[in-house]
Structure formats: structure tokens, C-alpha cells
Amino acid sequence: MKKLLHMTLVLALLLGLSACAKGGDNDAPPLYGTYHVAALVEAGAFSEELEELDGDTAFMLYKLADYDLEREDLKDCAVQRSAGATCEEAAVLVFTSADKAKTAKGALEDYVQGQIEANTDYRPAEIPKLEEALVDVRGETLLLAVANDREAVEQTLNG
């Protein structure tokens, strides 16, 4: 009888723990995927065609090494950016950990600020896009969107 009662309590505890774990996961926002970059392009968020960059180029462009990140910390990415006519770009960077992604967020925020400073006199029409840039971390993923149509970005990511 004691064994049956003990087994019943263990089973109830396990069921309770699994139910709590599932509830917590459902409350967290979903991670960004590299597919989000193509979805933003398809949604018409950008005013011109963007060019694809590889991971090595993205790592250097965003100066991630200056933030004590290693190339191996960047597991995967999708990056598309303007060839030069605008400051528009979209990137999803996937890191080996959430801590690495948070560190990289600072690098991308500094990158955007540098773009604002570099383009204030050169391309003043691009400054509002840069000031409205979306830099967001979800888990080990990091998203950057500098777009002509910020509403299209929001709708694509949220809906």
C-alpha cells in the first residue's frame, strides 16, 4: 500500500513539474530565425533590393570581435543590406548562448549609432530609418532591422 501511495505521489509531482515547465516556455517570445530576414524582404519593408552577406563579413561589419566575441560564437546568420544607396538592412544572428547574443546587441547598437554619425551629412534622409532601427534579442538570437517601412517589419515579426 505504501509503495502504491509513494508511486502515486511521485507521478503527481512529475505531472505538476512538466505542466509548469510547459507554461513557462509558452510565455517566452519565440526566437528569431534566419528565415525572418527573407520574410522582411518579401513583406516590402525595404525601398530597394538588398544584397546577401556571409557570416564572416557580418562578423567583421558589426565589429563583434571588439566585444570579445569569437567568430565561432556566431553559429548561423542571415544578413541582407543595401549596396550603398540607403542604410537599409536586415540581420538575424544566432549565437552559441543568450549571453553572447546580449553582448552582440551592444555591438549592433553601436554599429547603428556609427551609421547615424557617418550619414548625418552624407545621407540625411536615411537618419530617421536608423533612429527607428530595431535591435532585439530573444534567447541566443539577435535581430537588426533598418527599414523604410517599420510597420511592415512589426507586422511581419508579430503576425
N, C-alpha and C. Protein backbone atom coordinates (compact mmCIF):
# COMPACT_ATOMS: atom_id res chain seq x y z
N MET A 1 0.82 -1.19 0.00
CA MET A 1 0.00 0.00 0.00
C MET A 1 0.87 1.26 0.00
N LYS A 2 1.94 1.24 0.83
CA LYS A 2 2.83 2.40 0.89
C LYS A 2 3.49 2.65 -0.46
N LYS A 3 3.86 1.55 -1.13
CA LYS A 3 4.50 1.70 -2.44
C LYS A 3 3.55 2.34 -3.44
N LEU A 4 2.30 1.93 -3.41
CA LEU A 4 1.30 2.49 -4.32
C LEU A 4 1.09 3.98 -4.05
N LEU A 5 1.01 4.34 -2.79
CA LEU A 5 0.85 5.74 -2.42
C LEU A 5 2.09 6.55 -2.83
N HIS A 6 3.26 5.99 -2.61
CA HIS A 6 4.50 6.65 -2.98
C HIS A 6 4.58 6.86 -4.49
N MET A 7 4.24 5.84 -5.26
CA MET A 7 4.28 5.94 -6.72
C MET A 7 3.27 6.98 -7.23
N THR A 8 2.11 7.02 -6.59
CA THR A 8 1.08 7.99 -6.97
C THR A 8 1.57 9.41 -6.72
N LEU A 9 2.20 9.63 -5.58
CA LEU A 9 2.74 10.97 -5.26
C LEU A 9 3.85 11.37 -6.22
N VAL A 10 4.73 10.44 -6.55
CA VAL A 10 5.81 10.73 -7.50
C VAL A 10 5.23 11.08 -8.86
N LEU A 11 4.26 10.32 -9.31
CA LEU A 11 3.62 10.58 -10.60
C LEU A 11 2.95 11.96 -10.61
N ALA A 12 2.25 12.29 -9.53
CA ALA A 12 1.59 13.60 -9.43
C ALA A 12 2.62 14.72 -9.45
N LEU A 13 3.73 14.54 -8.76
CA LEU A 13 4.79 15.55 -8.75
C LEU A 13 5.38 15.74 -10.14
N LEU A 14 5.65 14.65 -10.82
CA LEU A 14 6.21 14.74 -12.18
C LEU A 14 5.24 15.43 -13.14
N LEU A 15 3.99 15.10 -13.06
CA LEU A 15 2.99 15.76 -13.91
C LEU A 15 2.91 17.25 -13.61
N GLY A 16 2.94 17.60 -12.34
CA GLY A 16 2.91 19.01 -11.95
C GLY A 16 4.12 19.77 -12.46
N LEU A 17 5.29 19.16 -12.35
CA LEU A 17 6.51 19.83 -12.84
C LEU A 17 6.49 20.00 -14.35
N SER A 18 6.04 19.00 -15.06
CA SER A 18 6.02 19.12 -16.52
C SER A 18 4.99 20.16 -16.96
N ALA A 19 3.89 20.28 -16.26
CA ALA A 19 2.88 21.29 -16.60
C ALA A 19 3.43 22.69 -16.37
N CYS A 20 4.17 22.87 -15.28
CA CYS A 20 4.77 24.19 -15.00
C CYS A 20 5.81 24.54 -16.04
N ALA A 21 6.60 23.59 -16.43
CA ALA A 21 7.65 23.86 -17.42
C ALA A 21 7.04 24.26 -18.75
N LYS A 22 5.98 23.60 -19.16
CA LYS A 22 5.35 23.93 -20.43
C LYS A 22 4.75 25.33 -20.39
N GLY A 23 4.13 25.71 -19.30
CA GLY A 23 3.53 27.03 -19.18
C GLY A 23 4.57 28.13 -19.29
N GLY A 24 5.73 27.95 -18.68
CA GLY A 24 6.78 28.95 -18.72
C GLY A 24 7.33 29.12 -20.13
N ASP A 25 7.50 28.01 -20.86
CA ASP A 25 8.02 28.10 -22.22
C ASP A 25 7.07 28.83 -23.14
N ASN A 26 5.77 28.64 -22.96
CA ASN A 26 4.79 29.26 -23.83
C ASN A 26 4.73 30.77 -23.65
N ASP A 27 5.15 31.26 -22.48
CA ASP A 27 5.12 32.69 -22.23
C ASP A 27 6.28 33.43 -22.88
N ALA A 28 7.36 32.73 -23.19
CA ALA A 28 8.54 33.36 -23.76
C ALA A 28 8.30 33.65 -25.25
N PRO A 29 8.77 34.81 -25.73
CA PRO A 29 8.61 35.08 -27.16
C PRO A 29 9.44 34.10 -27.97
N PRO A 30 8.99 33.75 -29.15
CA PRO A 30 9.75 32.81 -29.97
C PRO A 30 11.08 33.43 -30.40
N LEU A 31 12.05 32.58 -30.59
CA LEU A 31 13.35 33.04 -31.06
C LEU A 31 13.23 33.54 -32.50
N TYR A 32 14.15 34.44 -32.87
CA TYR A 32 14.20 34.85 -34.27
C TYR A 32 14.86 33.73 -35.06
N GLY A 33 14.41 33.57 -36.28
CA GLY A 33 15.02 32.59 -37.18
C GLY A 33 15.63 33.31 -38.36
N THR A 34 16.60 32.68 -38.99
CA THR A 34 17.23 33.31 -40.16
C THR A 34 16.20 33.55 -41.26
N TYR A 35 15.11 32.79 -41.26
CA TYR A 35 14.05 32.97 -42.25
C TYR A 35 13.36 34.34 -42.11
N HIS A 36 13.47 34.97 -40.94
CA HIS A 36 12.84 36.28 -40.75
C HIS A 36 13.41 37.34 -41.71
N VAL A 37 14.68 37.22 -42.06
CA VAL A 37 15.27 38.20 -42.99
C VAL A 37 14.55 38.14 -44.34
N ALA A 38 14.38 36.95 -44.88
CA ALA A 38 13.67 36.81 -46.16
C ALA A 38 12.22 37.25 -46.03
N ALA A 39 11.60 36.97 -44.89
CA ALA A 39 10.21 37.39 -44.68
C ALA A 39 10.09 38.91 -44.68
N LEU A 40 11.06 39.60 -44.09
CA LEU A 40 11.02 41.07 -44.09
C LEU A 40 11.19 41.62 -45.50
N VAL A 41 12.07 41.01 -46.27
CA VAL A 41 12.27 41.43 -47.66
C VAL A 41 10.98 41.22 -48.45
N GLU A 42 10.39 40.04 -48.30
CA GLU A 42 9.15 39.72 -49.02
C GLU A 42 7.99 40.62 -48.60
N ALA A 43 8.01 41.11 -47.38
CA ALA A 43 6.93 41.98 -46.89
C ALA A 43 7.03 43.39 -47.44
N GLY A 44 8.10 43.70 -48.16
CA GLY A 44 8.24 45.03 -48.75
C GLY A 44 8.71 46.08 -47.76
N ALA A 45 9.44 45.67 -46.72
CA ALA A 45 9.91 46.61 -45.70
C ALA A 45 11.03 47.51 -46.19
N PHE A 46 11.63 47.17 -47.32
CA PHE A 46 12.80 47.91 -47.81
C PHE A 46 12.50 48.58 -49.15
N SER A 47 13.13 49.72 -49.37
CA SER A 47 12.85 50.51 -50.56
C SER A 47 13.67 50.09 -51.77
N GLU A 48 14.65 49.22 -51.56
CA GLU A 48 15.48 48.75 -52.67
C GLU A 48 15.87 47.30 -52.45
N GLU A 49 16.42 46.69 -53.47
CA GLU A 49 16.88 45.32 -53.35
C GLU A 49 18.12 45.27 -52.47
N LEU A 50 18.17 44.28 -51.60
CA LEU A 50 19.30 44.14 -50.69
C LEU A 50 20.21 43.01 -51.15
N GLU A 51 21.49 43.08 -50.74
CA GLU A 51 22.46 42.06 -51.09
C GLU A 51 22.77 41.21 -49.87
N GLU A 52 22.98 39.92 -50.10
CA GLU A 52 23.25 38.98 -49.01
C GLU A 52 24.73 39.04 -48.62
N LEU A 53 24.99 38.95 -47.31
CA LEU A 53 26.35 38.88 -46.78
C LEU A 53 26.54 37.54 -46.08
N ASP A 54 27.78 37.04 -46.09
CA ASP A 54 28.07 35.80 -45.37
C ASP A 54 28.43 36.10 -43.91
N GLY A 55 28.56 35.06 -43.12
CA GLY A 55 28.82 35.19 -41.70
C GLY A 55 30.13 35.87 -41.37
N ASP A 56 31.18 35.56 -42.13
CA ASP A 56 32.49 36.19 -41.88
C ASP A 56 32.41 37.70 -42.10
N THR A 57 31.76 38.10 -43.18
CA THR A 57 31.62 39.52 -43.48
C THR A 57 30.77 40.21 -42.43
N ALA A 58 29.69 39.58 -42.01
CA ALA A 58 28.82 40.15 -40.97
C ALA A 58 29.58 40.31 -39.66
N PHE A 59 30.38 39.31 -39.30
CA PHE A 59 31.16 39.37 -38.06
C PHE A 59 32.08 40.59 -38.08
N MET A 60 32.72 40.83 -39.22
CA MET A 60 33.61 42.00 -39.34
C MET A 60 32.84 43.31 -39.42
N LEU A 61 31.76 43.34 -40.18
CA LEU A 61 30.96 44.55 -40.36
C LEU A 61 30.45 45.08 -39.03
N TYR A 62 29.94 44.19 -38.19
CA TYR A 62 29.37 44.60 -36.91
C TYR A 62 30.42 44.69 -35.79
N LYS A 63 31.69 44.45 -36.15
CA LYS A 63 32.82 44.57 -35.22
C LYS A 63 32.60 43.76 -33.94
N LEU A 64 32.15 42.54 -34.11
CA LEU A 64 31.85 41.69 -32.96
C LEU A 64 33.10 41.31 -32.18
N ALA A 65 34.24 41.25 -32.84
CA ALA A 65 35.50 40.95 -32.14
C ALA A 65 35.84 42.03 -31.12
N ASP A 66 35.43 43.27 -31.39
CA ASP A 66 35.68 44.37 -30.45
C ASP A 66 34.91 44.19 -29.14
N TYR A 67 33.96 43.27 -29.13
CA TYR A 67 33.14 43.00 -27.95
C TYR A 67 33.50 41.64 -27.34
N ASP A 68 34.72 41.22 -27.61
CA ASP A 68 35.26 39.95 -27.08
C ASP A 68 34.47 38.73 -27.53
N LEU A 69 33.89 38.82 -28.71
CA LEU A 69 33.23 37.66 -29.29
C LEU A 69 34.16 37.02 -30.31
N GLU A 70 34.07 35.72 -30.42
CA GLU A 70 34.87 34.96 -31.38
C GLU A 70 33.98 34.60 -32.57
N ARG A 71 34.58 34.39 -33.71
CA ARG A 71 33.81 34.01 -34.90
C ARG A 71 32.99 32.74 -34.62
N GLU A 72 33.54 31.83 -33.82
CA GLU A 72 32.86 30.58 -33.50
C GLU A 72 31.61 30.81 -32.64
N ASP A 73 31.51 31.98 -31.98
CA ASP A 73 30.33 32.30 -31.18
C ASP A 73 29.11 32.55 -32.06
N LEU A 74 29.34 32.92 -33.31
CA LEU A 74 28.26 33.17 -34.26
C LEU A 74 27.98 31.87 -35.01
N LYS A 75 26.93 31.14 -34.58
CA LYS A 75 26.62 29.83 -35.15
C LYS A 75 26.03 29.91 -36.55
N ASP A 76 25.16 30.90 -36.74
CA ASP A 76 24.43 31.00 -38.00
C ASP A 76 23.97 32.44 -38.17
N CYS A 77 23.69 32.82 -39.39
CA CYS A 77 23.17 34.17 -39.62
C CYS A 77 22.55 34.27 -41.00
N ALA A 78 21.73 35.29 -41.14
CA ALA A 78 21.20 35.72 -42.43
C ALA A 78 21.28 37.23 -42.40
N VAL A 79 22.00 37.80 -43.35
CA VAL A 79 22.19 39.26 -43.39
C VAL A 79 21.99 39.72 -44.82
N GLN A 80 21.16 40.74 -44.96
CA GLN A 80 21.00 41.41 -46.25
C GLN A 80 21.06 42.90 -46.00
N ARG A 81 21.79 43.58 -46.87
CA ARG A 81 21.90 45.03 -46.69
C ARG A 81 22.02 45.73 -48.02
N SER A 82 21.79 47.02 -47.97
CA SER A 82 21.84 47.85 -49.16
C SER A 82 23.25 47.84 -49.75
N ALA A 83 23.30 47.94 -51.07
CA ALA A 83 24.60 48.02 -51.75
C ALA A 83 25.21 49.41 -51.63
N GLY A 84 24.48 50.35 -51.08
CA GLY A 84 25.07 51.67 -50.88
C GLY A 84 24.13 52.84 -51.04
N ALA A 85 23.00 52.66 -51.68
CA ALA A 85 22.09 53.78 -51.92
C ALA A 85 21.35 54.20 -50.65
N THR A 86 21.11 53.22 -49.75
CA THR A 86 20.42 53.50 -48.50
C THR A 86 21.18 52.84 -47.34
N CYS A 87 20.68 53.04 -46.15
CA CYS A 87 21.25 52.39 -44.96
C CYS A 87 20.41 51.20 -44.52
N GLU A 88 19.52 50.75 -45.38
CA GLU A 88 18.60 49.68 -45.01
C GLU A 88 19.31 48.33 -44.93
N GLU A 89 18.90 47.54 -43.94
CA GLU A 89 19.45 46.20 -43.80
C GLU A 89 18.60 45.38 -42.83
N ALA A 90 18.76 44.07 -42.93
CA ALA A 90 18.10 43.15 -42.02
C ALA A 90 19.10 42.05 -41.69
N ALA A 91 19.15 41.68 -40.42
CA ALA A 91 20.07 40.63 -39.99
C ALA A 91 19.46 39.85 -38.84
N VAL A 92 19.65 38.56 -38.89
CA VAL A 92 19.38 37.69 -37.75
C VAL A 92 20.68 36.95 -37.50
N LEU A 93 21.21 37.12 -36.29
CA LEU A 93 22.45 36.48 -35.89
C LEU A 93 22.11 35.47 -34.79
N VAL A 94 22.61 34.26 -34.94
CA VAL A 94 22.34 33.19 -33.98
C VAL A 94 23.66 32.85 -33.29
N PHE A 95 23.69 33.00 -31.97
CA PHE A 95 24.90 32.80 -31.19
C PHE A 95 24.85 31.49 -30.40
N THR A 96 25.97 31.13 -29.82
CA THR A 96 26.07 29.89 -29.06
C THR A 96 25.37 29.99 -27.71
N SER A 97 25.07 31.20 -27.25
CA SER A 97 24.39 31.36 -25.96
C SER A 97 23.65 32.69 -25.92
N ALA A 98 22.72 32.80 -24.99
CA ALA A 98 21.98 34.05 -24.81
C ALA A 98 22.90 35.16 -24.34
N ASP A 99 23.91 34.84 -23.52
CA ASP A 99 24.86 35.85 -23.06
C ASP A 99 25.65 36.45 -24.23
N LYS A 100 26.03 35.61 -25.18
CA LYS A 100 26.77 36.09 -26.36
C LYS A 100 25.87 37.01 -27.19
N ALA A 101 24.60 36.65 -27.32
CA ALA A 101 23.65 37.47 -28.07
C ALA A 101 23.47 38.83 -27.41
N LYS A 102 23.37 38.85 -26.07
CA LYS A 102 23.24 40.12 -25.35
C LYS A 102 24.47 41.00 -25.55
N THR A 103 25.64 40.39 -25.54
CA THR A 103 26.88 41.13 -25.79
C THR A 103 26.86 41.71 -27.20
N ALA A 104 26.44 40.91 -28.16
CA ALA A 104 26.40 41.36 -29.55
C ALA A 104 25.37 42.47 -29.76
N LYS A 105 24.34 42.50 -28.94
CA LYS A 105 23.34 43.57 -29.05
C LYS A 105 24.02 44.93 -28.87
N GLY A 106 24.94 45.03 -27.93
CA GLY A 106 25.68 46.28 -27.74
C GLY A 106 26.48 46.65 -28.98
N ALA A 107 27.07 45.65 -29.63
CA ALA A 107 27.83 45.90 -30.86
C ALA A 107 26.94 46.44 -31.95
N LEU A 108 25.74 45.85 -32.10
CA LEU A 108 24.83 46.32 -33.15
C LEU A 108 24.25 47.69 -32.84
N GLU A 109 24.00 47.97 -31.57
CA GLU A 109 23.54 49.31 -31.20
C GLU A 109 24.62 50.35 -31.51
N ASP A 110 25.86 50.02 -31.22
CA ASP A 110 26.96 50.93 -31.55
C ASP A 110 27.14 51.06 -33.05
N TYR A 111 26.94 49.97 -33.78
CA TYR A 111 27.00 50.00 -35.24
C TYR A 111 25.97 50.98 -35.80
N VAL A 112 24.74 50.89 -35.31
CA VAL A 112 23.68 51.79 -35.78
C VAL A 112 24.02 53.23 -35.43
N GLN A 113 24.52 53.47 -34.23
CA GLN A 113 24.91 54.83 -33.85
C GLN A 113 26.02 55.36 -34.76
N GLY A 114 26.97 54.50 -35.09
CA GLY A 114 28.03 54.89 -36.02
C GLY A 114 27.49 55.22 -37.40
N GLN A 115 26.48 54.48 -37.83
CA GLN A 115 25.83 54.76 -39.12
C GLN A 115 25.14 56.12 -39.09
N ILE A 116 24.51 56.43 -37.96
CA ILE A 116 23.86 57.75 -37.83
C ILE A 116 24.90 58.86 -37.95
N GLU A 117 25.99 58.71 -37.23
CA GLU A 117 27.05 59.73 -37.27
C GLU A 117 27.67 59.85 -38.66
N ALA A 118 27.89 58.74 -39.32
CA ALA A 118 28.53 58.75 -40.64
C ALA A 118 27.61 59.29 -41.74
N ASN A 119 26.31 59.19 -41.54
CA ASN A 119 25.37 59.56 -42.61
C ASN A 119 24.61 60.85 -42.36
N THR A 120 24.85 61.52 -41.25
CA THR A 120 24.11 62.74 -40.94
C THR A 120 24.25 63.78 -42.04
N ASP A 121 25.45 64.00 -42.54
CA ASP A 121 25.66 64.97 -43.62
C ASP A 121 25.61 64.31 -45.00
N TYR A 122 26.00 63.04 -45.07
CA TYR A 122 26.11 62.33 -46.34
C TYR A 122 24.74 61.92 -46.89
N ARG A 123 23.92 61.30 -46.06
CA ARG A 123 22.59 60.85 -46.47
C ARG A 123 21.59 61.19 -45.37
N PRO A 124 21.24 62.46 -45.21
CA PRO A 124 20.36 62.84 -44.11
C PRO A 124 18.97 62.20 -44.18
N ALA A 125 18.50 61.82 -45.35
CA ALA A 125 17.18 61.19 -45.47
C ALA A 125 17.16 59.80 -44.83
N GLU A 126 18.33 59.21 -44.60
CA GLU A 126 18.41 57.87 -44.00
C GLU A 126 18.38 57.90 -42.47
N ILE A 127 18.59 59.05 -41.88
CA ILE A 127 18.68 59.15 -40.42
C ILE A 127 17.41 58.69 -39.71
N PRO A 128 16.21 59.06 -40.16
CA PRO A 128 15.01 58.55 -39.47
C PRO A 128 14.93 57.02 -39.46
N LYS A 129 15.34 56.37 -40.54
CA LYS A 129 15.34 54.90 -40.58
C LYS A 129 16.30 54.35 -39.52
N LEU A 130 17.46 54.96 -39.43
CA LEU A 130 18.46 54.50 -38.46
C LEU A 130 18.00 54.75 -37.03
N GLU A 131 17.36 55.89 -36.81
CA GLU A 131 16.87 56.19 -35.46
C GLU A 131 15.75 55.25 -35.04
N GLU A 132 15.03 54.70 -36.02
CA GLU A 132 13.94 53.75 -35.75
C GLU A 132 14.40 52.29 -35.87
N ALA A 133 15.70 52.07 -35.96
CA ALA A 133 16.23 50.72 -36.13
C ALA A 133 15.75 49.82 -34.99
N LEU A 134 15.44 48.59 -35.33
CA LEU A 134 15.04 47.60 -34.35
C LEU A 134 16.24 46.70 -34.08
N VAL A 135 16.70 46.68 -32.83
CA VAL A 135 17.76 45.78 -32.39
C VAL A 135 17.18 45.04 -31.19
N ASP A 136 16.94 43.73 -31.36
CA ASP A 136 16.22 42.98 -30.34
C ASP A 136 16.82 41.60 -30.15
N VAL A 137 16.94 41.20 -28.89
CA VAL A 137 17.47 39.88 -28.54
C VAL A 137 16.34 39.00 -28.03
N ARG A 138 16.32 37.77 -28.50
CA ARG A 138 15.42 36.73 -27.97
C ARG A 138 16.27 35.48 -27.82
N GLY A 139 16.54 35.13 -26.58
CA GLY A 139 17.39 33.96 -26.33
C GLY A 139 18.75 34.17 -26.94
N GLU A 140 19.20 33.20 -27.72
CA GLU A 140 20.51 33.32 -28.37
C GLU A 140 20.44 33.95 -29.75
N THR A 141 19.29 34.55 -30.09
CA THR A 141 19.13 35.18 -31.41
C THR A 141 19.04 36.70 -31.28
N LEU A 142 19.55 37.36 -32.30
CA LEU A 142 19.60 38.82 -32.32
C LEU A 142 19.11 39.29 -33.69
N LEU A 143 18.21 40.25 -33.68
CA LEU A 143 17.66 40.79 -34.92
C LEU A 143 18.01 42.26 -35.06
N LEU A 144 18.40 42.65 -36.26
CA LEU A 144 18.59 44.05 -36.62
C LEU A 144 17.75 44.32 -37.85
N ALA A 145 16.95 45.40 -37.80
CA ALA A 145 16.17 45.81 -38.97
C ALA A 145 16.23 47.32 -39.09
N VAL A 146 16.80 47.79 -40.19
CA VAL A 146 16.79 49.21 -40.55
C VAL A 146 16.00 49.25 -41.85
N ALA A 147 14.76 49.70 -41.75
CA ALA A 147 13.84 49.55 -42.88
C ALA A 147 13.15 50.84 -43.26
N ASN A 148 12.73 50.91 -44.50
CA ASN A 148 11.95 52.03 -44.99
C ASN A 148 10.54 51.99 -44.41
N ASP A 149 10.01 50.79 -44.18
CA ASP A 149 8.65 50.61 -43.68
C ASP A 149 8.69 49.85 -42.36
N ARG A 150 8.80 50.59 -41.27
CA ARG A 150 8.90 49.96 -39.93
C ARG A 150 7.62 49.21 -39.59
N GLU A 151 6.49 49.68 -40.08
CA GLU A 151 5.22 48.99 -39.82
C GLU A 151 5.23 47.59 -40.44
N ALA A 152 5.78 47.47 -41.64
CA ALA A 152 5.87 46.15 -42.28
C ALA A 152 6.78 45.22 -41.48
N VAL A 153 7.81 45.77 -40.87
CA VAL A 153 8.70 44.97 -40.00
C VAL A 153 7.92 44.45 -38.82
N GLU A 154 7.21 45.34 -38.15
CA GLU A 154 6.43 44.95 -36.95
C GLU A 154 5.37 43.91 -37.29
N GLN A 155 4.66 44.11 -38.39
CA GLN A 155 3.60 43.17 -38.79
C GLN A 155 4.18 41.80 -39.12
N THR A 156 5.31 41.78 -39.79
CA THR A 156 5.95 40.52 -40.16
C THR A 156 6.42 39.76 -38.94
N LEU A 157 7.02 40.46 -38.00
CA LEU A 157 7.57 39.80 -36.82
C LEU A 157 6.49 39.40 -35.82
N ASN A 158 5.39 40.12 -35.79
CA ASN A 158 4.36 39.87 -34.78
C ASN A 158 3.15 39.10 -35.33
N GLY A 159 3.12 38.88 -36.62
CA GLY A 159 1.90 38.31 -37.09
C GLY A 159 1.99 37.26 -38.06
